[in-house]
Structures are given as C-alpha cells and as structure tokens.
N, C-alpha and C. Protein backbone atom coordinates (compact mmCIF):
# COMPACT_ATOMS: atom_id res chain seq x y z
N MET A 1 6.87 -24.22 -56.37
CA MET A 1 7.41 -25.08 -55.34
C MET A 1 7.25 -24.45 -53.96
N SER A 2 7.43 -23.16 -53.87
CA SER A 2 7.31 -22.50 -52.58
C SER A 2 5.87 -22.55 -52.08
N ILE A 3 4.92 -22.58 -53.01
CA ILE A 3 3.52 -22.69 -52.61
C ILE A 3 3.27 -24.07 -52.04
N ALA A 4 3.85 -25.10 -52.62
CA ALA A 4 3.67 -26.46 -52.12
C ALA A 4 4.26 -26.60 -50.73
N LEU A 5 5.42 -26.04 -50.49
CA LEU A 5 6.03 -26.10 -49.16
C LEU A 5 5.18 -25.33 -48.14
N PHE A 6 4.65 -24.22 -48.57
CA PHE A 6 3.81 -23.44 -47.68
C PHE A 6 2.57 -24.21 -47.28
N LEU A 7 1.94 -24.90 -48.27
CA LEU A 7 0.74 -25.68 -47.98
C LEU A 7 1.06 -26.86 -47.08
N LEU A 8 2.21 -27.51 -47.29
CA LEU A 8 2.61 -28.60 -46.41
C LEU A 8 2.82 -28.09 -44.98
N TYR A 9 3.45 -26.96 -44.87
CA TYR A 9 3.70 -26.37 -43.55
C TYR A 9 2.38 -25.99 -42.86
N LEU A 10 1.43 -25.53 -43.66
CA LEU A 10 0.16 -25.07 -43.12
C LEU A 10 -0.72 -26.23 -42.67
N PHE A 11 -0.74 -27.33 -43.45
CA PHE A 11 -1.68 -28.41 -43.16
C PHE A 11 -1.10 -29.57 -42.39
N LEU A 12 0.18 -29.76 -42.41
CA LEU A 12 0.75 -30.88 -41.66
C LEU A 12 0.94 -30.48 -40.21
N PRO A 13 0.60 -31.36 -39.27
CA PRO A 13 0.79 -31.02 -37.85
C PRO A 13 2.27 -30.98 -37.52
N SER A 14 2.58 -30.08 -36.64
CA SER A 14 3.98 -29.98 -36.22
C SER A 14 4.19 -30.90 -35.03
N TYR A 15 5.32 -31.56 -35.05
CA TYR A 15 5.65 -32.47 -33.97
C TYR A 15 6.74 -31.83 -33.12
N SER A 16 6.46 -31.75 -31.82
CA SER A 16 7.49 -31.28 -30.90
C SER A 16 7.53 -32.26 -29.74
N PRO A 17 8.69 -32.46 -29.20
CA PRO A 17 8.78 -33.43 -28.09
C PRO A 17 8.02 -32.91 -26.88
N ALA A 18 7.37 -33.82 -26.14
CA ALA A 18 6.62 -33.46 -24.94
C ALA A 18 7.59 -33.02 -23.86
N PRO A 19 7.22 -32.01 -23.08
CA PRO A 19 8.13 -31.56 -22.03
C PRO A 19 8.26 -32.64 -20.95
N GLN A 20 9.43 -32.75 -20.41
CA GLN A 20 9.70 -33.72 -19.37
C GLN A 20 9.09 -33.22 -18.05
N PRO A 21 8.44 -34.08 -17.28
CA PRO A 21 7.88 -33.64 -16.00
C PRO A 21 9.00 -33.27 -15.03
N LEU A 22 8.73 -32.26 -14.23
CA LEU A 22 9.69 -31.83 -13.24
C LEU A 22 9.69 -32.80 -12.06
N PRO A 23 10.83 -33.04 -11.49
CA PRO A 23 10.86 -33.95 -10.34
C PRO A 23 10.21 -33.27 -9.13
N THR A 24 9.23 -33.93 -8.52
CA THR A 24 8.56 -33.40 -7.33
C THR A 24 8.50 -34.47 -6.26
N ALA A 25 8.41 -34.02 -5.07
CA ALA A 25 8.29 -34.94 -3.94
C ALA A 25 6.83 -35.33 -3.80
N PRO A 26 6.54 -36.55 -3.47
CA PRO A 26 5.14 -36.95 -3.29
C PRO A 26 4.58 -36.29 -2.02
N LEU A 27 3.38 -35.73 -2.14
CA LEU A 27 2.73 -35.10 -1.01
C LEU A 27 1.54 -35.93 -0.57
N THR A 28 1.41 -36.07 0.72
CA THR A 28 0.26 -36.78 1.27
C THR A 28 -0.59 -35.76 2.03
N PRO A 29 -1.89 -35.87 1.94
CA PRO A 29 -2.74 -34.93 2.67
C PRO A 29 -2.56 -35.08 4.17
N ARG A 30 -2.62 -33.97 4.87
CA ARG A 30 -2.44 -33.97 6.31
C ARG A 30 -3.73 -33.46 6.94
N VAL A 31 -4.19 -34.11 7.98
CA VAL A 31 -5.41 -33.72 8.67
C VAL A 31 -5.06 -32.62 9.67
N VAL A 32 -5.80 -31.53 9.58
CA VAL A 32 -5.58 -30.40 10.48
C VAL A 32 -6.84 -30.22 11.31
N GLN A 33 -6.67 -30.10 12.61
CA GLN A 33 -7.82 -29.93 13.50
C GLN A 33 -7.99 -28.45 13.82
N VAL A 34 -9.23 -27.99 13.73
CA VAL A 34 -9.54 -26.60 14.04
C VAL A 34 -10.00 -26.54 15.49
N LYS A 35 -9.30 -25.73 16.28
CA LYS A 35 -9.68 -25.57 17.68
C LYS A 35 -10.20 -24.14 17.86
N PRO A 36 -11.51 -23.99 18.00
CA PRO A 36 -12.02 -22.64 18.19
C PRO A 36 -11.59 -22.10 19.55
N THR A 37 -11.15 -20.87 19.55
CA THR A 37 -10.75 -20.25 20.81
C THR A 37 -11.91 -19.44 21.35
N PRO A 38 -12.14 -19.51 22.64
CA PRO A 38 -13.24 -18.72 23.18
C PRO A 38 -12.91 -17.23 23.11
N THR A 39 -13.89 -16.46 22.71
CA THR A 39 -13.69 -15.02 22.63
C THR A 39 -14.65 -14.35 23.59
N THR A 40 -14.21 -13.29 24.17
CA THR A 40 -15.08 -12.53 25.05
C THR A 40 -15.57 -11.31 24.29
N VAL A 41 -16.85 -11.13 24.31
CA VAL A 41 -17.46 -10.00 23.63
C VAL A 41 -17.84 -8.98 24.70
N ALA A 42 -17.28 -7.81 24.57
CA ALA A 42 -17.58 -6.76 25.54
C ALA A 42 -18.88 -6.07 25.12
N TYR A 43 -19.92 -6.36 25.84
CA TYR A 43 -21.22 -5.75 25.55
C TYR A 43 -21.49 -4.70 26.60
N GLN A 44 -21.74 -3.51 26.16
CA GLN A 44 -22.07 -2.45 27.09
C GLN A 44 -23.57 -2.21 27.02
N ARG A 45 -24.19 -2.34 28.13
CA ARG A 45 -25.62 -2.11 28.18
C ARG A 45 -25.91 -0.63 28.06
N PRO A 46 -26.95 -0.29 27.34
CA PRO A 46 -27.32 1.12 27.32
C PRO A 46 -27.84 1.52 28.71
N PRO A 47 -27.78 2.77 29.03
CA PRO A 47 -28.28 3.17 30.35
C PRO A 47 -29.75 2.81 30.48
N ARG A 48 -30.13 2.43 31.68
CA ARG A 48 -31.51 2.03 31.90
C ARG A 48 -32.49 3.16 31.57
N LYS A 49 -32.13 4.34 31.97
CA LYS A 49 -33.01 5.48 31.73
C LYS A 49 -32.36 6.40 30.72
N LEU A 50 -32.90 6.41 29.51
CA LEU A 50 -32.37 7.29 28.48
C LEU A 50 -32.88 8.70 28.70
N PRO A 51 -32.11 9.71 28.32
CA PRO A 51 -32.58 11.08 28.51
C PRO A 51 -33.79 11.37 27.63
N THR A 52 -34.72 12.11 28.18
CA THR A 52 -35.92 12.51 27.45
C THR A 52 -35.95 14.02 27.37
N TYR A 53 -36.26 14.53 26.20
CA TYR A 53 -36.30 15.97 25.97
C TYR A 53 -37.74 16.37 25.70
N ARG A 54 -38.18 17.44 26.34
CA ARG A 54 -39.53 17.96 26.12
C ARG A 54 -39.44 19.04 25.03
N VAL A 55 -40.22 18.87 23.97
CA VAL A 55 -40.16 19.79 22.84
C VAL A 55 -41.57 20.19 22.42
N THR A 56 -41.63 21.16 21.54
CA THR A 56 -42.87 21.54 20.89
C THR A 56 -42.83 20.93 19.49
N ALA A 57 -43.87 20.18 19.13
CA ALA A 57 -43.88 19.48 17.85
C ALA A 57 -44.87 20.12 16.89
N THR A 58 -44.48 20.15 15.63
CA THR A 58 -45.34 20.63 14.55
C THR A 58 -45.12 19.72 13.35
N VAL A 59 -45.89 19.94 12.29
CA VAL A 59 -45.68 19.21 11.04
C VAL A 59 -45.29 20.20 9.97
N TYR A 60 -44.53 19.72 9.00
CA TYR A 60 -44.17 20.58 7.86
C TYR A 60 -44.22 19.76 6.59
N MET A 61 -44.38 20.48 5.48
CA MET A 61 -44.43 19.86 4.17
C MET A 61 -43.27 20.36 3.33
N ALA A 62 -42.86 19.59 2.36
CA ALA A 62 -41.74 19.98 1.49
C ALA A 62 -42.25 20.96 0.45
N GLU A 63 -42.49 22.18 0.88
CA GLU A 63 -42.96 23.25 0.01
C GLU A 63 -42.07 24.47 0.22
N PRO A 64 -41.85 25.28 -0.81
CA PRO A 64 -40.97 26.44 -0.66
C PRO A 64 -41.42 27.42 0.43
N GLY A 65 -42.70 27.51 0.71
CA GLY A 65 -43.17 28.40 1.75
C GLY A 65 -42.80 27.94 3.15
N GLN A 66 -42.56 26.64 3.32
CA GLN A 66 -42.24 26.10 4.64
C GLN A 66 -40.78 25.68 4.76
N THR A 67 -40.06 25.70 3.66
CA THR A 67 -38.65 25.30 3.68
C THR A 67 -37.83 26.41 3.01
N ASP A 68 -36.68 26.05 2.50
CA ASP A 68 -35.87 27.04 1.77
C ASP A 68 -36.16 26.93 0.28
N ALA A 69 -35.26 27.43 -0.54
CA ALA A 69 -35.48 27.44 -1.99
C ALA A 69 -35.46 26.04 -2.60
N GLU A 70 -34.85 25.08 -1.92
CA GLU A 70 -34.83 23.70 -2.40
C GLU A 70 -35.61 22.83 -1.42
N PRO A 71 -36.92 22.72 -1.58
CA PRO A 71 -37.72 22.01 -0.58
C PRO A 71 -37.50 20.50 -0.55
N PHE A 72 -36.97 19.92 -1.61
CA PHE A 72 -36.82 18.46 -1.65
C PHE A 72 -35.42 18.00 -1.28
N VAL A 73 -34.59 18.90 -0.76
CA VAL A 73 -33.25 18.55 -0.27
C VAL A 73 -33.18 18.93 1.20
N THR A 74 -32.86 17.95 2.06
CA THR A 74 -32.81 18.22 3.50
C THR A 74 -31.43 18.74 3.89
N ALA A 75 -31.28 19.06 5.16
CA ALA A 75 -30.02 19.63 5.65
C ALA A 75 -28.88 18.62 5.59
N ASP A 76 -29.18 17.33 5.69
CA ASP A 76 -28.11 16.33 5.57
C ASP A 76 -27.94 15.85 4.14
N ASN A 77 -28.54 16.56 3.19
CA ASN A 77 -28.44 16.31 1.75
C ASN A 77 -29.20 15.07 1.30
N SER A 78 -30.19 14.64 2.07
CA SER A 78 -31.07 13.57 1.63
C SER A 78 -32.11 14.16 0.68
N ARG A 79 -32.61 13.33 -0.21
CA ARG A 79 -33.60 13.78 -1.18
C ARG A 79 -34.98 13.31 -0.74
N ILE A 80 -35.92 14.23 -0.72
CA ILE A 80 -37.30 13.91 -0.35
C ILE A 80 -38.06 13.57 -1.61
N SER A 81 -38.73 12.43 -1.61
CA SER A 81 -39.57 12.05 -2.74
C SER A 81 -40.82 12.93 -2.73
N PRO A 82 -41.31 13.34 -3.90
CA PRO A 82 -42.54 14.15 -3.93
C PRO A 82 -43.74 13.42 -3.34
N HIS A 83 -43.66 12.09 -3.23
CA HIS A 83 -44.76 11.30 -2.70
C HIS A 83 -44.54 10.91 -1.25
N GLN A 84 -43.55 11.50 -0.60
CA GLN A 84 -43.19 11.13 0.77
C GLN A 84 -44.31 11.52 1.74
N THR A 85 -44.68 10.60 2.61
CA THR A 85 -45.73 10.85 3.59
C THR A 85 -45.16 10.72 5.00
N SER A 86 -46.03 10.88 5.98
CA SER A 86 -45.59 10.76 7.37
C SER A 86 -45.19 9.32 7.70
N LYS A 87 -45.56 8.36 6.86
CA LYS A 87 -45.18 6.97 7.12
C LYS A 87 -43.69 6.73 6.93
N SER A 88 -43.03 7.61 6.20
CA SER A 88 -41.58 7.44 6.01
C SER A 88 -40.81 7.84 7.26
N ARG A 89 -41.43 8.60 8.17
CA ARG A 89 -40.87 8.94 9.48
C ARG A 89 -39.57 9.73 9.40
N TRP A 90 -39.58 10.81 8.63
CA TRP A 90 -38.45 11.75 8.60
C TRP A 90 -38.83 12.95 9.44
N ALA A 91 -37.83 13.57 10.05
CA ALA A 91 -38.11 14.71 10.92
C ALA A 91 -37.01 15.75 10.83
N ALA A 92 -37.37 16.95 11.28
CA ALA A 92 -36.41 18.04 11.43
C ALA A 92 -36.44 18.46 12.89
N ILE A 93 -35.28 18.85 13.43
CA ILE A 93 -35.24 19.33 14.81
C ILE A 93 -34.59 20.71 14.83
N SER A 94 -34.84 21.42 15.91
CA SER A 94 -34.25 22.75 16.03
C SER A 94 -32.75 22.63 16.24
N ARG A 95 -32.05 23.69 15.90
CA ARG A 95 -30.59 23.65 15.91
C ARG A 95 -30.02 23.46 17.31
N ASP A 96 -30.72 23.92 18.34
CA ASP A 96 -30.18 23.77 19.68
C ASP A 96 -30.14 22.30 20.12
N LEU A 97 -30.82 21.42 19.38
CA LEU A 97 -30.80 19.99 19.70
C LEU A 97 -29.82 19.20 18.83
N LEU A 98 -29.17 19.85 17.87
CA LEU A 98 -28.20 19.18 17.00
C LEU A 98 -26.80 19.29 17.59
N GLN A 99 -26.00 18.23 17.43
CA GLN A 99 -24.63 18.20 17.97
C GLN A 99 -23.78 19.33 17.42
N ARG A 100 -24.02 19.69 16.19
CA ARG A 100 -23.21 20.75 15.57
C ARG A 100 -23.31 22.07 16.33
N TRP A 101 -24.45 22.28 17.01
CA TRP A 101 -24.65 23.49 17.79
C TRP A 101 -24.73 23.18 19.29
N GLY A 102 -24.14 22.06 19.70
CA GLY A 102 -24.07 21.73 21.13
C GLY A 102 -25.19 20.87 21.66
N GLY A 103 -26.03 20.31 20.81
CA GLY A 103 -27.14 19.48 21.27
C GLY A 103 -26.78 18.00 21.30
N PRO A 104 -27.72 17.16 21.69
CA PRO A 104 -27.45 15.73 21.84
C PRO A 104 -27.62 14.89 20.58
N PHE A 105 -28.27 15.40 19.54
CA PHE A 105 -28.58 14.59 18.37
C PHE A 105 -27.74 14.99 17.17
N LYS A 106 -27.58 14.03 16.24
CA LYS A 106 -26.91 14.32 14.97
C LYS A 106 -27.78 13.78 13.84
N PHE A 107 -27.49 14.21 12.63
CA PHE A 107 -28.26 13.74 11.48
C PHE A 107 -28.13 12.23 11.37
N GLY A 108 -29.23 11.55 11.10
CA GLY A 108 -29.24 10.11 10.97
C GLY A 108 -29.62 9.39 12.25
N ASP A 109 -29.69 10.10 13.38
CA ASP A 109 -30.10 9.48 14.64
C ASP A 109 -31.58 9.13 14.59
N SER A 110 -31.92 8.05 15.26
CA SER A 110 -33.33 7.68 15.41
C SER A 110 -33.81 8.13 16.78
N VAL A 111 -35.00 8.69 16.83
CA VAL A 111 -35.58 9.16 18.08
C VAL A 111 -37.00 8.63 18.20
N ARG A 112 -37.40 8.34 19.44
CA ARG A 112 -38.78 7.92 19.71
C ARG A 112 -39.56 9.14 20.17
N VAL A 113 -40.68 9.40 19.51
CA VAL A 113 -41.49 10.58 19.80
C VAL A 113 -42.83 10.10 20.35
N THR A 114 -43.22 10.65 21.51
CA THR A 114 -44.53 10.33 22.09
C THR A 114 -45.19 11.62 22.54
N GLY A 115 -46.51 11.64 22.43
CA GLY A 115 -47.26 12.80 22.89
C GLY A 115 -47.82 13.66 21.78
N ILE A 116 -47.66 13.25 20.52
CA ILE A 116 -48.24 14.03 19.42
C ILE A 116 -49.66 13.55 19.18
N SER A 117 -49.78 12.39 18.58
CA SER A 117 -51.07 11.75 18.31
C SER A 117 -50.78 10.29 18.02
N PRO A 118 -51.78 9.43 18.14
CA PRO A 118 -51.52 8.01 17.86
C PRO A 118 -50.99 7.76 16.44
N LYS A 119 -51.41 8.59 15.49
CA LYS A 119 -50.96 8.40 14.11
C LYS A 119 -49.52 8.85 13.91
N LEU A 120 -49.08 9.88 14.64
CA LEU A 120 -47.75 10.44 14.41
C LEU A 120 -46.71 10.02 15.45
N ASP A 121 -47.11 9.40 16.54
CA ASP A 121 -46.13 8.92 17.51
C ASP A 121 -45.34 7.76 16.92
N GLY A 122 -44.08 7.65 17.28
CA GLY A 122 -43.26 6.54 16.79
C GLY A 122 -41.80 6.92 16.70
N VAL A 123 -41.05 6.14 15.93
CA VAL A 123 -39.61 6.35 15.77
C VAL A 123 -39.38 7.12 14.47
N TYR A 124 -38.60 8.19 14.57
CA TYR A 124 -38.28 9.05 13.43
C TYR A 124 -36.78 9.11 13.24
N VAL A 125 -36.36 9.39 12.01
CA VAL A 125 -34.94 9.59 11.70
C VAL A 125 -34.75 11.08 11.41
N ILE A 126 -33.73 11.67 12.02
CA ILE A 126 -33.48 13.10 11.86
C ILE A 126 -32.72 13.34 10.56
N HIS A 127 -33.36 14.07 9.65
CA HIS A 127 -32.74 14.39 8.35
C HIS A 127 -32.63 15.88 8.09
N ASP A 128 -33.32 16.69 8.87
CA ASP A 128 -33.39 18.12 8.55
C ASP A 128 -33.29 18.95 9.82
N THR A 129 -33.07 20.22 9.64
CA THR A 129 -33.02 21.15 10.77
C THR A 129 -33.96 22.31 10.49
N MET A 130 -34.30 23.00 11.55
CA MET A 130 -35.26 24.10 11.44
C MET A 130 -34.52 25.43 11.42
N ASN A 131 -35.27 26.48 11.17
CA ASN A 131 -34.71 27.83 11.18
C ASN A 131 -34.14 28.14 12.56
N ARG A 132 -33.14 28.98 12.62
CA ARG A 132 -32.45 29.24 13.89
C ARG A 132 -33.33 29.93 14.93
N ARG A 133 -34.46 30.48 14.53
CA ARG A 133 -35.33 31.14 15.51
C ARG A 133 -36.08 30.14 16.39
N HIS A 134 -36.15 28.87 15.98
CA HIS A 134 -36.86 27.84 16.76
C HIS A 134 -35.94 27.24 17.81
N LYS A 135 -36.46 27.04 19.01
CA LYS A 135 -35.72 26.41 20.11
C LYS A 135 -36.56 25.27 20.68
N HIS A 136 -35.92 24.16 20.92
CA HIS A 136 -36.57 22.96 21.47
C HIS A 136 -37.84 22.61 20.68
N CYS A 137 -37.67 22.43 19.38
CA CYS A 137 -38.79 22.11 18.50
C CYS A 137 -38.49 20.86 17.69
N PHE A 138 -39.55 20.19 17.29
CA PHE A 138 -39.48 18.97 16.50
C PHE A 138 -40.50 19.10 15.39
N ASP A 139 -40.09 18.84 14.15
CA ASP A 139 -40.95 18.99 12.98
C ASP A 139 -41.08 17.65 12.27
N VAL A 140 -42.30 17.21 12.03
CA VAL A 140 -42.56 15.94 11.36
C VAL A 140 -42.85 16.22 9.89
N LEU A 141 -42.17 15.52 8.99
CA LEU A 141 -42.39 15.70 7.55
C LEU A 141 -43.64 14.94 7.13
N VAL A 142 -44.58 15.65 6.50
CA VAL A 142 -45.80 15.01 6.00
C VAL A 142 -46.02 15.43 4.55
N HIS A 143 -46.87 14.73 3.87
CA HIS A 143 -47.25 15.04 2.49
C HIS A 143 -48.34 16.12 2.51
N PRO A 144 -48.43 16.97 1.49
CA PRO A 144 -49.49 18.00 1.47
C PRO A 144 -50.90 17.42 1.60
N SER A 145 -51.11 16.17 1.19
CA SER A 145 -52.43 15.57 1.35
C SER A 145 -52.75 15.29 2.82
N GLU A 146 -51.74 15.35 3.68
CA GLU A 146 -51.95 15.13 5.12
C GLU A 146 -51.96 16.46 5.87
N ALA A 147 -52.32 17.53 5.19
CA ALA A 147 -52.33 18.86 5.81
C ALA A 147 -53.30 18.94 6.98
N HIS A 148 -54.30 18.06 7.00
CA HIS A 148 -55.26 18.07 8.11
C HIS A 148 -54.59 17.70 9.44
N LEU A 149 -53.38 17.15 9.39
CA LEU A 149 -52.65 16.81 10.61
C LEU A 149 -51.95 18.03 11.22
N SER A 150 -51.96 19.15 10.51
CA SER A 150 -51.24 20.34 10.98
C SER A 150 -51.79 20.81 12.32
N ASP A 151 -50.90 20.93 13.27
CA ASP A 151 -51.24 21.40 14.60
C ASP A 151 -49.94 21.67 15.33
N MET A 152 -50.05 22.13 16.57
CA MET A 152 -48.87 22.34 17.40
C MET A 152 -49.11 21.61 18.72
N TRP A 153 -48.16 20.79 19.11
CA TRP A 153 -48.27 20.02 20.33
C TRP A 153 -47.14 20.42 21.28
N HIS A 154 -47.48 20.70 22.52
CA HIS A 154 -46.48 21.07 23.52
C HIS A 154 -46.19 19.86 24.41
N ASN A 155 -45.06 19.88 25.08
CA ASN A 155 -44.63 18.81 25.99
C ASN A 155 -44.58 17.45 25.32
N VAL A 156 -44.11 17.42 24.11
CA VAL A 156 -43.89 16.16 23.39
C VAL A 156 -42.55 15.60 23.85
N ARG A 157 -42.50 14.30 24.11
CA ARG A 157 -41.27 13.67 24.59
C ARG A 157 -40.48 13.07 23.43
N VAL A 158 -39.20 13.43 23.36
CA VAL A 158 -38.27 12.90 22.35
C VAL A 158 -37.17 12.17 23.10
N THR A 159 -37.01 10.88 22.80
CA THR A 159 -36.01 10.04 23.46
C THR A 159 -35.13 9.41 22.40
N PRO A 160 -33.81 9.44 22.56
CA PRO A 160 -32.95 8.78 21.57
C PRO A 160 -33.15 7.27 21.59
N VAL A 161 -33.10 6.66 20.43
CA VAL A 161 -33.17 5.21 20.32
C VAL A 161 -31.73 4.70 20.33
N PRO A 162 -31.37 3.85 21.31
CA PRO A 162 -29.96 3.40 21.37
C PRO A 162 -29.63 2.52 20.18
N GLU A 163 -28.41 2.71 19.68
CA GLU A 163 -27.95 1.87 18.58
C GLU A 163 -27.57 0.51 19.14
N ARG A 164 -27.86 -0.52 18.38
CA ARG A 164 -27.46 -1.86 18.81
C ARG A 164 -25.97 -2.02 18.61
N PRO A 165 -25.28 -2.55 19.61
CA PRO A 165 -23.84 -2.75 19.42
C PRO A 165 -23.58 -3.83 18.39
N ALA A 166 -22.57 -3.63 17.59
CA ALA A 166 -22.20 -4.62 16.58
C ALA A 166 -21.55 -5.80 17.29
N THR A 167 -22.04 -6.99 17.01
CA THR A 167 -21.48 -8.18 17.62
C THR A 167 -20.37 -8.69 16.72
N PRO A 168 -19.13 -8.69 17.20
CA PRO A 168 -18.04 -9.16 16.34
C PRO A 168 -18.13 -10.66 16.12
N ALA A 169 -17.73 -11.09 14.94
CA ALA A 169 -17.71 -12.52 14.63
C ALA A 169 -16.55 -13.16 15.38
N PRO A 170 -16.77 -14.36 15.93
CA PRO A 170 -15.66 -15.01 16.64
C PRO A 170 -14.56 -15.39 15.66
N GLU A 171 -13.33 -15.19 16.09
CA GLU A 171 -12.19 -15.53 15.24
C GLU A 171 -11.76 -16.96 15.53
N LEU A 172 -11.50 -17.70 14.48
CA LEU A 172 -11.06 -19.08 14.63
C LEU A 172 -9.54 -19.13 14.54
N ALA A 173 -8.94 -19.89 15.43
CA ALA A 173 -7.48 -20.04 15.40
C ALA A 173 -7.16 -21.37 14.73
N TRP A 174 -6.40 -21.31 13.69
CA TRP A 174 -6.02 -22.50 12.95
C TRP A 174 -4.69 -23.01 13.50
N THR A 175 -4.69 -24.27 13.88
CA THR A 175 -3.45 -24.89 14.36
C THR A 175 -3.22 -26.17 13.59
N ALA A 176 -1.99 -26.39 13.20
CA ALA A 176 -1.64 -27.62 12.49
C ALA A 176 -1.33 -28.69 13.53
N GLY A 177 -1.90 -29.87 13.34
CA GLY A 177 -1.73 -30.92 14.35
C GLY A 177 -0.72 -31.94 14.01
C-alpha cells in the first residue's frame, strides 16, 4: 500500500493555489527631454618650436657583444623579437638624456630623428638606454641582417613628438521634464 501511495504522489500533479497579485499603482510612461549642456574643452597647444637635441647616432643589434647578458630584454623590460628590424623603430638613448638622470626623455616617449639616412630617419620609441660612458648619443635597433647600415652620424637632430591631448567626452545632463 505504501508503494501505491508513493507512486500516486510521484505521478499525480500537485495542486497549489496561485499566488494573489500584489496591489500596485498603475504607471504611465513619462517623456523625458535630454538637454545637452555645452562643455568647454581646455586644449593646450604644444609649443610652436619644440626643443631639438643634437646627438651622435649609431646602430646596434640585440647581441651579447653589443648589449648586456640579456640582449633581448630592454631597459624598460620590453622584449625584443629575434626577427626585429629597423622598421619596428625602437631606440636606445644615452643616460644623460633620460629623465631618471636629469634628461628630457623617458621610456616610451616618441622622438623624431633626422640626419641619419633616408632609410633610418623617422619616429622612434625609446625602449633602451646605453652604457653610462656615452653622452648625447642615440642608438637605433636593427637586425643583424641590416649590419651594412652600421655607421656613426654626428649632428643628428632628435625632437620629442608631442602627445595628443585626450579629448574628454561631453557629459550629458539628464533633466526630468
């Protein structure tokens, strides 16, 4: 008999009364008008004449003879790909030009270099530093297959590339009408 009751309990649907709806007030949609408020964006122009530094430029390769014991790790802890060429535009500068030692540049800054050669002139990102014996020097990272570019250039111009100011998004003021 207990098995029969169990089977009835298992297969027969249970009936429970439906819950009563809670009393609520009727809501009607309300139209809200968005009035954008004018915002003033403070844009500071970069100086018309950016400072230019005269340096001696050379090229270097990620090899233990030209770097330290870890040739594929730069001073800012970036990793150099074994296939990295001069097209990637990475550079090292002497310590007297780095902010850490009182200079104008920091790691990650972009600089425009002119006066090396048409192939190597352009914008570079500073990722590495040179030995402390070098003063006012700029080193371009190249691949060993580009060793024919090795030379020394004097009176090369290095100019910082100004960062673009971030344009803030205009804030909208919501007002209920």
